Amino acid sequence: MTSGSNEAAIDEIVARCNGDIRGALKALLLVNEQLEAELQQLHAVVAHGRLTGQGSSVLH
């Protein structure tokens, strides 16, 4: 993301939270937690694939 698109994304997130900065931060933290959980699941799938001999093709 470029600086300009970052600014636009920030403006949009705050606008969707009716100008509430604290609400926008809470929303971003929730999304971040969800993404971290998904990433952990992907790591588990890859690790399991390597243990069963499937290799890295699990993510293809």
Protein backbone atom coordinates (compact mmCIF):
# COMPACT_ATOMS: atom_id res chain seq x y z
CA MET A 1 0.00 0.00 0.00
CA THR A 2 1.24 3.45 -0.80
CA SER A 3 1.00 6.37 1.58
CA GLY A 4 -1.93 7.82 -0.34
CA SER A 5 -3.87 4.56 -0.32
CA ASN A 6 -3.06 4.13 3.38
CA GLU A 7 -4.58 7.54 4.08
CA ALA A 8 -7.66 6.68 2.04
CA ALA A 9 -8.05 3.32 3.82
CA ILE A 10 -7.73 4.99 7.22
CA ASP A 11 -10.31 7.62 6.26
CA GLU A 12 -12.71 4.91 5.07
CA ILE A 13 -12.32 2.81 8.23
CA VAL A 14 -12.90 5.82 10.49
CA ALA A 15 -15.89 6.90 8.37
CA ARG A 16 -17.42 3.39 8.65
CA CYS A 17 -17.12 3.78 12.42
CA ASN A 18 -18.95 7.13 12.28
CA GLY A 19 -15.77 9.07 13.05
CA ASP A 20 -15.09 7.07 16.22
CA ILE A 21 -11.31 6.54 16.28
CA ARG A 22 -11.54 4.17 19.24
CA GLY A 23 -14.19 2.13 17.43
CA ALA A 24 -12.02 2.03 14.31
CA LEU A 25 -9.07 0.76 16.33
CA LYS A 26 -11.24 -1.92 17.95
CA ALA A 27 -12.46 -3.02 14.54
CA LEU A 28 -8.91 -3.23 13.20
CA LEU A 29 -7.77 -5.21 16.24
CA LEU A 30 -10.61 -7.70 15.73
CA VAL A 31 -9.75 -8.12 12.05
CA ASN A 32 -6.08 -8.56 12.96
CA GLU A 33 -6.96 -11.27 15.50
CA GLN A 34 -9.01 -13.08 12.88
CA LEU A 35 -6.19 -12.91 10.34
CA GLU A 36 -3.69 -14.19 12.92
CA ALA A 37 -5.98 -17.15 13.68
CA GLU A 38 -6.28 -17.94 9.96
CA LEU A 39 -2.51 -17.73 9.59
CA GLN A 40 -2.04 -20.17 12.48
CA GLN A 41 -4.46 -22.56 10.78
CA LEU A 42 -2.50 -22.32 7.53
CA HIS A 43 0.75 -23.00 9.38
CA ALA A 44 -0.85 -26.07 10.94
CA VAL A 45 -2.04 -27.32 7.54
CA VAL A 46 1.42 -26.85 6.04
CA ALA A 47 3.08 -28.58 9.00
CA HIS A 48 0.62 -31.48 8.76
CA GLY A 49 1.18 -31.72 5.00
CA ARG A 50 4.91 -32.02 5.51
CA LEU A 51 4.42 -34.73 8.13
CA THR A 52 2.19 -36.75 5.78
CA GLY A 53 4.51 -36.29 2.82
CA GLN A 54 2.31 -33.91 0.85
CA GLY A 55 4.96 -31.20 0.83
CA SER A 56 4.26 -27.56 0.12
CA SER A 57 1.58 -28.26 -2.51
CA VAL A 58 -1.06 -27.89 0.23
CA LEU A 59 -1.32 -24.15 -0.44
CA HIS A 60 -1.48 -24.41 -4.24
